[in-house]
Amino acid sequence: MATWNEQAPPELAPPNWMQTIGGTLRLGLMILTTLLAVTIFLIGRGLRAVLGRWVTFHFWVAKLWSKFGLWLAGLELKVTVTPIAKGSLVANHSSWRDILTL
């Protein structure tokens, strides 16, 4: 199978038992964190509907969840552009990392 630059992709060694345990623990931790974050987020949305627009804690819950997920995956978010003042941000979703990044 060829890649975009017509070279064969490198062969990866199968994970050893430590890597398998570590990956399983990270996945389980992310699942538990996601369940907790979704619960708190939905409570925040409900309170916002009842109490008004000043209830905003659920937004930082989503941001914290994203940062934790990136950290857990060993990734660092680095923003290198200036935010735009007007207009829209459109992104082509291409991988699981986009969910945590955007």
PDB file of N, CA and C in Angstrom:
ATOM      1  N   MET A   1       0.835  -1.170   0.000  1.00  0.00           N
ATOM      2  CA  MET A   1       0.000   0.000   0.000  1.00  0.00           C
ATOM      3  C   MET A   1       0.887   1.243   0.000  1.00  0.00           C
ATOM      4  N   ALA A   2       0.576   2.182  -0.859  1.00  0.00           N
ATOM      5  CA  ALA A   2       1.359   3.405  -0.957  1.00  0.00           C
ATOM      6  C   ALA A   2       0.686   4.532  -0.185  1.00  0.00           C
ATOM      7  N   THR A   3       1.481   5.475   0.278  1.00  0.00           N
ATOM      8  CA  THR A   3       0.947   6.654   0.963  1.00  0.00           C
ATOM      9  C   THR A   3       0.878   7.798  -0.030  1.00  0.00           C
ATOM     10  N   TRP A   4       0.544   8.978   0.454  1.00  0.00           N
ATOM     11  CA  TRP A   4       0.383  10.138  -0.421  1.00  0.00           C
ATOM     12  C   TRP A   4       1.658  10.460  -1.187  1.00  0.00           C
ATOM     13  N   ASN A   5       2.824  10.124  -0.639  1.00  0.00           N
ATOM     14  CA  ASN A   5       4.073  10.402  -1.357  1.00  0.00           C
ATOM     15  C   ASN A   5       4.666   9.146  -1.992  1.00  0.00           C
ATOM     16  N   GLU A   6       3.815   8.148  -2.202  1.00  0.00           N
ATOM     17  CA  GLU A   6       4.133   6.910  -2.907  1.00  0.00           C
ATOM     18  C   GLU A   6       5.197   6.056  -2.229  1.00  0.00           C
ATOM     19  N   GLN A   7       5.416   6.271  -0.951  1.00  0.00           N
ATOM     20  CA  GLN A   7       6.322   5.415  -0.199  1.00  0.00           C
ATOM     21  C   GLN A   7       5.490   4.486   0.667  1.00  0.00           C
ATOM     22  N   ALA A   8       6.020   3.315   0.891  1.00  0.00           N
ATOM     23  CA  ALA A   8       5.322   2.368   1.758  1.00  0.00           C
ATOM     24  C   ALA A   8       5.398   2.875   3.195  1.00  0.00           C
ATOM     25  N   PRO A   9       4.305   2.788   3.953  1.00  0.00           N
ATOM     26  CA  PRO A   9       4.349   3.236   5.350  1.00  0.00           C
ATOM     27  C   PRO A   9       5.257   2.327   6.167  1.00  0.00           C
ATOM     28  N   PRO A  10       5.855   2.864   7.221  1.00  0.00           N
ATOM     29  CA  PRO A  10       6.746   2.036   8.042  1.00  0.00           C
ATOM     30  C   PRO A  10       5.950   0.974   8.798  1.00  0.00           C
ATOM     31  N   GLU A  11       6.571  -0.150   9.001  1.00  0.00           N
ATOM     32  CA  GLU A  11       5.954  -1.218   9.787  1.00  0.00           C
ATOM     33  C   GLU A  11       6.096  -0.890  11.269  1.00  0.00           C
ATOM     34  N   LEU A  12       4.996  -0.935  11.995  1.00  0.00           N
ATOM     35  CA  LEU A  12       5.023  -0.659  13.423  1.00  0.00           C
ATOM     36  C   LEU A  12       5.071  -1.964  14.193  1.00  0.00           C
ATOM     37  N   ALA A  13       5.877  -1.963  15.230  1.00  0.00           N
ATOM     38  CA  ALA A  13       5.960  -3.143  16.086  1.00  0.00           C
ATOM     39  C   ALA A  13       4.687  -3.231  16.924  1.00  0.00           C
ATOM     40  N   PRO A  14       4.225  -4.431  17.217  1.00  0.00           N
ATOM     41  CA  PRO A  14       3.042  -4.550  18.083  1.00  0.00           C
ATOM     42  C   PRO A  14       3.359  -4.007  19.477  1.00  0.00           C
ATOM     43  N   PRO A  15       2.361  -3.455  20.173  1.00  0.00           N
ATOM     44  CA  PRO A  15       2.632  -2.896  21.503  1.00  0.00           C
ATOM     45  C   PRO A  15       2.993  -3.991  22.501  1.00  0.00           C
ATOM     46  N   ASN A  16       3.888  -3.643  23.428  1.00  0.00           N
ATOM     47  CA  ASN A  16       4.224  -4.606  24.480  1.00  0.00           C
ATOM     48  C   ASN A  16       3.154  -4.534  25.576  1.00  0.00           C
ATOM     49  N   TRP A  17       3.272  -5.349  26.590  1.00  0.00           N
ATOM     50  CA  TRP A  17       2.223  -5.440  27.607  1.00  0.00           C
ATOM     51  C   TRP A  17       2.091  -4.163  28.413  1.00  0.00           C
ATOM     52  N   MET A  18       3.190  -3.434  28.632  1.00  0.00           N
ATOM     53  CA  MET A  18       3.126  -2.164  29.370  1.00  0.00           C
ATOM     54  C   MET A  18       2.375  -1.107  28.559  1.00  0.00           C
ATOM     55  N   GLN A  19       2.627  -1.071  27.273  1.00  0.00           N
ATOM     56  CA  GLN A  19       1.928  -0.125  26.417  1.00  0.00           C
ATOM     57  C   GLN A  19       0.436  -0.458  26.336  1.00  0.00           C
ATOM     58  N   THR A  20       0.111  -1.718  26.309  1.00  0.00           N
ATOM     59  CA  THR A  20      -1.283  -2.145  26.276  1.00  0.00           C
ATOM     60  C   THR A  20      -2.000  -1.757  27.566  1.00  0.00           C
ATOM     61  N   ILE A  21      -1.369  -1.979  28.703  1.00  0.00           N
ATOM     62  CA  ILE A  21      -1.967  -1.595  29.990  1.00  0.00           C
ATOM     63  C   ILE A  21      -2.108  -0.079  30.069  1.00  0.00           C
ATOM     64  N   GLY A  22      -1.067   0.652  29.686  1.00  0.00           N
ATOM     65  CA  GLY A  22      -1.119   2.109  29.718  1.00  0.00           C
ATOM     66  C   GLY A  22      -2.215   2.666  28.819  1.00  0.00           C
ATOM     67  N   GLY A  23      -2.336   2.118  27.625  1.00  0.00           N
ATOM     68  CA  GLY A  23      -3.381   2.564  26.703  1.00  0.00           C
ATOM     69  C   GLY A  23      -4.770   2.262  27.226  1.00  0.00           C
ATOM     70  N   THR A  24      -4.932   1.102  27.835  1.00  0.00           N
ATOM     71  CA  THR A  24      -6.223   0.728  28.400  1.00  0.00           C
ATOM     72  C   THR A  24      -6.595   1.651  29.556  1.00  0.00           C
ATOM     73  N   LEU A  25      -5.633   1.983  30.409  1.00  0.00           N
ATOM     74  CA  LEU A  25      -5.896   2.894  31.523  1.00  0.00           C
ATOM     75  C   LEU A  25      -6.242   4.298  31.025  1.00  0.00           C
ATOM     76  N   ARG A  26      -5.516   4.769  30.026  1.00  0.00           N
ATOM     77  CA  ARG A  26      -5.808   6.101  29.470  1.00  0.00           C
ATOM     78  C   ARG A  26      -7.198   6.139  28.853  1.00  0.00           C
ATOM     79  N   LEU A  27      -7.546   5.097  28.127  1.00  0.00           N
ATOM     80  CA  LEU A  27      -8.870   5.036  27.506  1.00  0.00           C
ATOM     81  C   LEU A  27      -9.972   5.006  28.570  1.00  0.00           C
ATOM     82  N   GLY A  28      -9.778   4.189  29.587  1.00  0.00           N
ATOM     83  CA  GLY A  28     -10.765   4.132  30.664  1.00  0.00           C
ATOM     84  C   GLY A  28     -10.904   5.458  31.387  1.00  0.00           C
ATOM     85  N   LEU A  29      -9.788   6.133  31.633  1.00  0.00           N
ATOM     86  CA  LEU A  29      -9.823   7.438  32.287  1.00  0.00           C
ATOM     87  C   LEU A  29     -10.533   8.467  31.422  1.00  0.00           C
ATOM     88  N   MET A  30     -10.312   8.411  30.121  1.00  0.00           N
ATOM     89  CA  MET A  30     -10.982   9.359  29.223  1.00  0.00           C
ATOM     90  C   MET A  30     -12.482   9.085  29.165  1.00  0.00           C
ATOM     91  N   ILE A  31     -12.871   7.828  29.194  1.00  0.00           N
ATOM     92  CA  ILE A  31     -14.304   7.488  29.190  1.00  0.00           C
ATOM     93  C   ILE A  31     -14.969   7.998  30.473  1.00  0.00           C
ATOM     94  N   LEU A  32     -14.343   7.765  31.618  1.00  0.00           N
ATOM     95  CA  LEU A  32     -14.902   8.250  32.878  1.00  0.00           C
ATOM     96  C   LEU A  32     -14.969   9.775  32.915  1.00  0.00           C
ATOM     97  N   THR A  33     -13.918  10.428  32.448  1.00  0.00           N
ATOM     98  CA  THR A  33     -13.894  11.890  32.408  1.00  0.00           C
ATOM     99  C   THR A  33     -14.984  12.418  31.481  1.00  0.00           C
ATOM    100  N   THR A  34     -15.181  11.761  30.359  1.00  0.00           N
ATOM    101  CA  THR A  34     -16.217  12.187  29.415  1.00  0.00           C
ATOM    102  C   THR A  34     -17.602  12.052  30.030  1.00  0.00           C
ATOM    103  N   LEU A  35     -17.866  10.953  30.717  1.00  0.00           N
ATOM    104  CA  LEU A  35     -19.167  10.772  31.369  1.00  0.00           C
ATOM    105  C   LEU A  35     -19.415  11.853  32.421  1.00  0.00           C
ATOM    106  N   LEU A  36     -18.399  12.154  33.216  1.00  0.00           N
ATOM    107  CA  LEU A  36     -18.528  13.191  34.232  1.00  0.00           C
ATOM    108  C   LEU A  36     -18.726  14.566  33.585  1.00  0.00           C
ATOM    109  N   ALA A  37     -17.937  14.867  32.567  1.00  0.00           N
ATOM    110  CA  ALA A  37     -18.032  16.171  31.897  1.00  0.00           C
ATOM    111  C   ALA A  37     -19.384  16.353  31.213  1.00  0.00           C
ATOM    112  N   VAL A  38     -19.887  15.310  30.564  1.00  0.00           N
ATOM    113  CA  VAL A  38     -21.190  15.412  29.903  1.00  0.00           C
ATOM    114  C   VAL A  38     -22.292  15.643  30.937  1.00  0.00           C
ATOM    115  N   THR A  39     -22.205  14.967  32.071  1.00  0.00           N
ATOM    116  CA  THR A  39     -23.202  15.153  33.124  1.00  0.00           C
ATOM    117  C   THR A  39     -23.206  16.594  33.630  1.00  0.00           C
ATOM    118  N   ILE A  40     -22.034  17.114  33.952  1.00  0.00           N
ATOM    119  CA  ILE A  40     -21.936  18.493  34.443  1.00  0.00           C
ATOM    120  C   ILE A  40     -22.361  19.474  33.348  1.00  0.00           C
ATOM    121  N   PHE A  41     -21.967  19.207  32.118  1.00  0.00           N
ATOM    122  CA  PHE A  41     -22.334  20.089  31.011  1.00  0.00           C
ATOM    123  C   PHE A  41     -23.852  20.155  30.844  1.00  0.00           C
ATOM    124  N   LEU A  42     -24.518  19.010  30.897  1.00  0.00           N
ATOM    125  CA  LEU A  42     -25.971  18.989  30.739  1.00  0.00           C
ATOM    126  C   LEU A  42     -26.677  19.680  31.909  1.00  0.00           C
ATOM    127  N   ILE A  43     -26.142  19.538  33.103  1.00  0.00           N
ATOM    128  CA  ILE A  43     -26.698  20.268  34.250  1.00  0.00           C
ATOM    129  C   ILE A  43     -26.569  21.770  34.004  1.00  0.00           C
ATOM    130  N   GLY A  44     -25.414  22.192  33.502  1.00  0.00           N
ATOM    131  CA  GLY A  44     -25.211  23.602  33.194  1.00  0.00           C
ATOM    132  C   GLY A  44     -26.167  24.113  32.134  1.00  0.00           C
ATOM    133  N   ARG A  45     -26.395  23.311  31.117  1.00  0.00           N
ATOM    134  CA  ARG A  45     -27.353  23.709  30.069  1.00  0.00           C
ATOM    135  C   ARG A  45     -28.762  23.835  30.629  1.00  0.00           C
ATOM    136  N   GLY A  46     -29.127  22.915  31.487  1.00  0.00           N
ATOM    137  CA  GLY A  46     -30.451  22.986  32.104  1.00  0.00           C
ATOM    138  C   GLY A  46     -30.605  24.219  32.986  1.00  0.00           C
ATOM    139  N   LEU A  47     -29.570  24.501  33.794  1.00  0.00           N
ATOM    140  CA  LEU A  47     -29.614  25.690  34.645  1.00  0.00           C
ATOM    141  C   LEU A  47     -29.646  26.962  33.815  1.00  0.00           C
ATOM    142  N   ARG A  48     -28.938  26.962  32.710  1.00  0.00           N
ATOM    143  CA  ARG A  48     -28.933  28.138  31.831  1.00  0.00           C
ATOM    144  C   ARG A  48     -30.324  28.375  31.243  1.00  0.00           C
ATOM    145  N   ALA A  49     -31.015  27.308  30.901  1.00  0.00           N
ATOM    146  CA  ALA A  49     -32.370  27.438  30.348  1.00  0.00           C
ATOM    147  C   ALA A  49     -33.340  27.975  31.394  1.00  0.00           C
ATOM    148  N   VAL A  50     -33.120  27.601  32.658  1.00  0.00           N
ATOM    149  CA  VAL A  50     -34.029  28.024  33.720  1.00  0.00           C
ATOM    150  C   VAL A  50     -33.639  29.386  34.298  1.00  0.00           C
ATOM    151  N   LEU A  51     -32.352  29.576  34.573  1.00  0.00           N
ATOM    152  CA  LEU A  51     -31.903  30.765  35.298  1.00  0.00           C
ATOM    153  C   LEU A  51     -31.426  31.910  34.406  1.00  0.00           C
ATOM    154  N   GLY A  52     -31.126  31.621  33.174  1.00  0.00           N
ATOM    155  CA  GLY A  52     -30.711  32.701  32.280  1.00  0.00           C
ATOM    156  C   GLY A  52     -29.293  32.552  31.773  1.00  0.00           C
ATOM    157  N   ARG A  53     -28.920  33.524  30.952  1.00  0.00           N
ATOM    158  CA  ARG A  53     -27.646  33.461  30.225  1.00  0.00           C
ATOM    159  C   ARG A  53     -26.421  33.672  31.098  1.00  0.00           C
ATOM    160  N   TRP A  54     -26.582  34.065  32.331  1.00  0.00           N
ATOM    161  CA  TRP A  54     -25.406  34.281  33.178  1.00  0.00           C
ATOM    162  C   TRP A  54     -24.799  32.968  33.677  1.00  0.00           C
ATOM    163  N   VAL A  55     -25.487  31.865  33.517  1.00  0.00           N
ATOM    164  CA  VAL A  55     -24.937  30.547  33.879  1.00  0.00           C
ATOM    165  C   VAL A  55     -24.030  30.099  32.743  1.00  0.00           C
ATOM    166  N   THR A  56     -22.731  30.087  32.995  1.00  0.00           N
ATOM    167  CA  THR A  56     -21.767  29.771  31.932  1.00  0.00           C
ATOM    168  C   THR A  56     -20.728  28.723  32.333  1.00  0.00           C
ATOM    169  N   PHE A  57     -20.856  28.141  33.536  1.00  0.00           N
ATOM    170  CA  PHE A  57     -19.812  27.217  33.979  1.00  0.00           C
ATOM    171  C   PHE A  57     -19.663  26.011  33.076  1.00  0.00           C
ATOM    172  N   HIS A  58     -20.728  25.637  32.359  1.00  0.00           N
ATOM    173  CA  HIS A  58     -20.643  24.447  31.508  1.00  0.00           C
ATOM    174  C   HIS A  58     -19.711  24.664  30.322  1.00  0.00           C
ATOM    175  N   PHE A  59     -19.469  25.919  29.947  1.00  0.00           N
ATOM    176  CA  PHE A  59     -18.518  26.180  28.859  1.00  0.00           C
ATOM    177  C   PHE A  59     -17.091  25.843  29.289  1.00  0.00           C
ATOM    178  N   TRP A  60     -16.720  26.214  30.517  1.00  0.00           N
ATOM    179  CA  TRP A  60     -15.368  25.874  30.962  1.00  0.00           C
ATOM    180  C   TRP A  60     -15.214  24.393  31.223  1.00  0.00           C
ATOM    181  N   VAL A  61     -16.322  23.698  31.517  1.00  0.00           N
ATOM    182  CA  VAL A  61     -16.247  22.235  31.664  1.00  0.00           C
ATOM    183  C   VAL A  61     -15.833  21.609  30.333  1.00  0.00           C
ATOM    184  N   ALA A  62     -16.430  22.079  29.230  1.00  0.00           N
ATOM    185  CA  ALA A  62     -16.063  21.557  27.903  1.00  0.00           C
ATOM    186  C   ALA A  62     -14.603  21.873  27.575  1.00  0.00           C
ATOM    187  N   LYS A  63     -14.163  23.078  27.920  1.00  0.00           N
ATOM    188  CA  LYS A  63     -12.766  23.464  27.659  1.00  0.00           C
ATOM    189  C   LYS A  63     -11.794  22.625  28.494  1.00  0.00           C
ATOM    190  N   LEU A  64     -12.140  22.415  29.755  1.00  0.00           N
ATOM    191  CA  LEU A  64     -11.299  21.594  30.628  1.00  0.00           C
ATOM    192  C   LEU A  64     -11.232  20.152  30.130  1.00  0.00           C
ATOM    193  N   TRP A  65     -12.374  19.618  29.691  1.00  0.00           N
ATOM    194  CA  TRP A  65     -12.403  18.254  29.149  1.00  0.00           C
ATOM    195  C   TRP A  65     -11.476  18.133  27.932  1.00  0.00           C
ATOM    196  N   SER A  66     -11.528  19.120  27.052  1.00  0.00           N
ATOM    197  CA  SER A  66     -10.684  19.094  25.863  1.00  0.00           C
ATOM    198  C   SER A  66      -9.206  19.148  26.228  1.00  0.00           C
ATOM    199  N   LYS A  67      -8.851  20.049  27.126  1.00  0.00           N
ATOM    200  CA  LYS A  67      -7.440  20.158  27.531  1.00  0.00           C
ATOM    201  C   LYS A  67      -6.957  18.875  28.199  1.00  0.00           C
ATOM    202  N   PHE A  68      -7.811  18.280  29.032  1.00  0.00           N
ATOM    203  CA  PHE A  68      -7.437  17.034  29.694  1.00  0.00           C
ATOM    204  C   PHE A  68      -7.253  15.912  28.681  1.00  0.00           C
ATOM    205  N   GLY A  69      -8.147  15.834  27.706  1.00  0.00           N
ATOM    206  CA  GLY A  69      -8.032  14.807  26.670  1.00  0.00           C
ATOM    207  C   GLY A  69      -6.750  14.944  25.857  1.00  0.00           C
ATOM    208  N   LEU A  70      -6.391  16.179  25.509  1.00  0.00           N
ATOM    209  CA  LEU A  70      -5.135  16.397  24.786  1.00  0.00           C
ATOM    210  C   LEU A  70      -3.945  16.000  25.649  1.00  0.00           C
ATOM    211  N   TRP A  71      -3.971  16.378  26.931  1.00  0.00           N
ATOM    212  CA  TRP A  71      -2.876  16.024  27.831  1.00  0.00           C
ATOM    213  C   TRP A  71      -2.768  14.508  27.973  1.00  0.00           C
ATOM    214  N   LEU A  72      -3.909  13.854  28.124  1.00  0.00           N
ATOM    215  CA  LEU A  72      -3.921  12.403  28.290  1.00  0.00           C
ATOM    216  C   LEU A  72      -3.354  11.697  27.060  1.00  0.00           C
ATOM    217  N   ALA A  73      -3.578  12.267  25.890  1.00  0.00           N
ATOM    218  CA  ALA A  73      -3.051  11.687  24.655  1.00  0.00           C
ATOM    219  C   ALA A  73      -1.599  12.086  24.404  1.00  0.00           C
ATOM    220  N   GLY A  74      -1.055  12.927  25.264  1.00  0.00           N
ATOM    221  CA  GLY A  74       0.329  13.358  25.089  1.00  0.00           C
ATOM    222  C   GLY A  74       0.492  14.433  24.031  1.00  0.00           C
ATOM    223  N   LEU A  75      -0.565  15.184  23.775  1.00  0.00           N
ATOM    224  CA  LEU A  75      -0.531  16.231  22.761  1.00  0.00           C
ATOM    225  C   LEU A  75      -0.568  17.600  23.422  1.00  0.00           C
ATOM    226  N   GLU A  76       0.040  18.569  22.755  1.00  0.00           N
ATOM    227  CA  GLU A  76       0.048  19.936  23.256  1.00  0.00           C
ATOM    228  C   GLU A  76      -0.636  20.841  22.245  1.00  0.00           C
ATOM    229  N   LEU A  77      -1.556  21.660  22.723  1.00  0.00           N
ATOM    230  CA  LEU A  77      -2.245  22.596  21.846  1.00  0.00           C
ATOM    231  C   LEU A  77      -1.400  23.853  21.736  1.00  0.00           C
ATOM    232  N   LYS A  78      -1.054  24.205  20.515  1.00  0.00           N
ATOM    233  CA  LYS A  78      -0.251  25.402  20.279  1.00  0.00           C
ATOM    234  C   LYS A  78      -0.953  26.224  19.205  1.00  0.00           C
ATOM    235  N   VAL A  79      -1.450  27.396  19.589  1.00  0.00           N
ATOM    236  CA  VAL A  79      -2.140  28.281  18.662  1.00  0.00           C
ATOM    237  C   VAL A  79      -1.113  29.261  18.110  1.00  0.00           C
ATOM    238  N   THR A  80      -1.012  29.313  16.782  1.00  0.00           N
ATOM    239  CA  THR A  80       0.015  30.160  16.171  1.00  0.00           C
ATOM    240  C   THR A  80      -0.556  31.239  15.270  1.00  0.00           C
ATOM    241  N   VAL A  81      -1.855  31.451  15.308  1.00  0.00           N
ATOM    242  CA  VAL A  81      -2.481  32.475  14.474  1.00  0.00           C
ATOM    243  C   VAL A  81      -3.236  33.456  15.357  1.00  0.00           C
ATOM    244  N   THR A  82      -3.518  34.608  14.804  1.00  0.00           N
ATOM    245  CA  THR A  82      -4.299  35.611  15.505  1.00  0.00           C
ATOM    246  C   THR A  82      -5.781  35.341  15.250  1.00  0.00           C
ATOM    247  N   PRO A  83      -6.590  35.341  16.307  1.00  0.00           N
ATOM    248  CA  PRO A  83      -8.024  35.117  16.088  1.00  0.00           C
ATOM    249  C   PRO A  83      -8.632  36.215  15.207  1.00  0.00           C
ATOM    250  N   ILE A  84      -9.628  35.853  14.450  1.00  0.00           N
ATOM    251  CA  ILE A  84     -10.280  36.818  13.576  1.00  0.00           C
ATOM    252  C   ILE A  84     -11.326  37.603  14.355  1.00  0.00           C
ATOM    253  N   ALA A  85     -11.537  38.865  13.968  1.00  0.00           N
ATOM    254  CA  ALA A  85     -12.513  39.708  14.655  1.00  0.00           C
ATOM    255  C   ALA A  85     -13.920  39.448  14.146  1.00  0.00           C
ATOM    256  N   LYS A  86     -14.060  39.201  12.856  1.00  0.00           N
ATOM    257  CA  LYS A  86     -15.378  38.947  12.266  1.00  0.00           C
ATOM    258  C   LYS A  86     -15.279  37.749  11.336  1.00  0.00           C
ATOM    259  N   GLY A  87     -16.398  37.132  11.093  1.00  0.00           N
ATOM    260  CA  GLY A  87     -16.422  36.006  10.162  1.00  0.00           C
ATOM    261  C   GLY A  87     -16.668  34.705  10.878  1.00  0.00           C
ATOM    262  N   SER A  88     -16.384  33.609  10.219  1.00  0.00           N
ATOM    263  CA  SER A  88     -16.582  32.304  10.802  1.00  0.00           C
ATOM    264  C   SER A  88     -15.352  31.441  10.629  1.00  0.00           C
ATOM    265  N   LEU A  89     -15.238  30.510  11.536  1.00  0.00           N
ATOM    266  CA  LEU A  89     -14.169  29.525  11.475  1.00  0.00           C
ATOM    267  C   LEU A  89     -14.766  28.240  10.928  1.00  0.00           C
ATOM    268  N   VAL A  90     -14.225  27.771   9.834  1.00  0.00           N
ATOM    269  CA  VAL A  90     -14.706  26.546   9.220  1.00  0.00           C
ATOM    270  C   VAL A  90     -13.544  25.562   9.195  1.00  0.00           C
ATOM    271  N   ALA A  91     -13.785  24.372   9.691  1.00  0.00           N
ATOM    272  CA  ALA A  91     -12.728  23.369   9.740  1.00  0.00           C
ATOM    273  C   ALA A  91     -13.208  22.077   9.105  1.00  0.00           C
ATOM    274  N   ASN A  92     -12.316  21.449   8.392  1.00  0.00           N
ATOM    275  CA  ASN A  92     -12.591  20.146   7.821  1.00  0.00           C
ATOM    276  C   ASN A  92     -12.197  19.107   8.867  1.00  0.00           C
ATOM    277  N   HIS A  93     -13.183  18.470   9.451  1.00  0.00           N
ATOM    278  CA  HIS A  93     -12.926  17.482  10.496  1.00  0.00           C
ATOM    279  C   HIS A  93     -12.215  16.283   9.872  1.00  0.00           C
ATOM    280  N   SER A  94     -10.987  16.034  10.330  1.00  0.00           N
ATOM    281  CA  SER A  94     -10.228  14.959   9.708  1.00  0.00           C
ATOM    282  C   SER A  94      -9.781  13.870  10.680  1.00  0.00           C
ATOM    283  N   SER A  95      -9.894  14.094  11.980  1.00  0.00           N
ATOM    284  CA  SER A  95      -9.460  13.048  12.903  1.00  0.00           C
ATOM    285  C   SER A  95     -10.054  13.280  14.294  1.00  0.00           C
ATOM    286  N   TRP A  96      -9.798  12.395  15.213  1.00  0.00           N
ATOM    287  CA  TRP A  96     -10.278  12.501  16.572  1.00  0.00           C
ATOM    288  C   TRP A  96      -9.652  13.688  17.279  1.00  0.00           C
ATOM    289  N   ARG A  97      -8.466  14.106  16.871  1.00  0.00           N
ATOM    290  CA  ARG A  97      -7.806  15.241  17.512  1.00  0.00           C
ATOM    291  C   ARG A  97      -8.552  16.538  17.277  1.00  0.00           C
ATOM    292  N   ASP A  98      -9.250  16.645  16.155  1.00  0.00           N
ATOM    293  CA  ASP A  98     -10.013  17.856  15.856  1.00  0.00           C
ATOM    294  C   ASP A  98     -11.081  18.111  16.913  1.00  0.00           C
ATOM    295  N   ILE A  99     -11.679  17.087  17.431  1.00  0.00           N
ATOM    296  CA  ILE A  99     -12.733  17.241  18.431  1.00  0.00           C
ATOM    297  C   ILE A  99     -12.165  17.919  19.667  1.00  0.00           C
ATOM    298  N   LEU A 100     -11.031  17.474  20.120  1.00  0.00           N
ATOM    299  CA  LEU A 100     -10.416  18.057  21.318  1.00  0.00           C
ATOM    300  C   LEU A 100      -9.813  19.425  21.039  1.00  0.00           C
ATOM    301  N   THR A 101      -9.325  19.647  19.849  1.00  0.00           N
ATOM    302  CA  THR A 101      -8.654  20.903  19.517  1.00  0.00           C
ATOM    303  C   THR A 101      -9.625  22.023  19.260  1.00  0.00           C
ATOM    304  N   LEU A 102     -10.640  21.761  18.463  1.00  0.00           N
ATOM    305  CA  LEU A 102     -11.574  22.836  18.105  1.00  0.00           C
ATOM    306  C   LEU A 102     -12.562  23.086  19.213  1.00  0.00           C
TER     307      LEU A 102
END
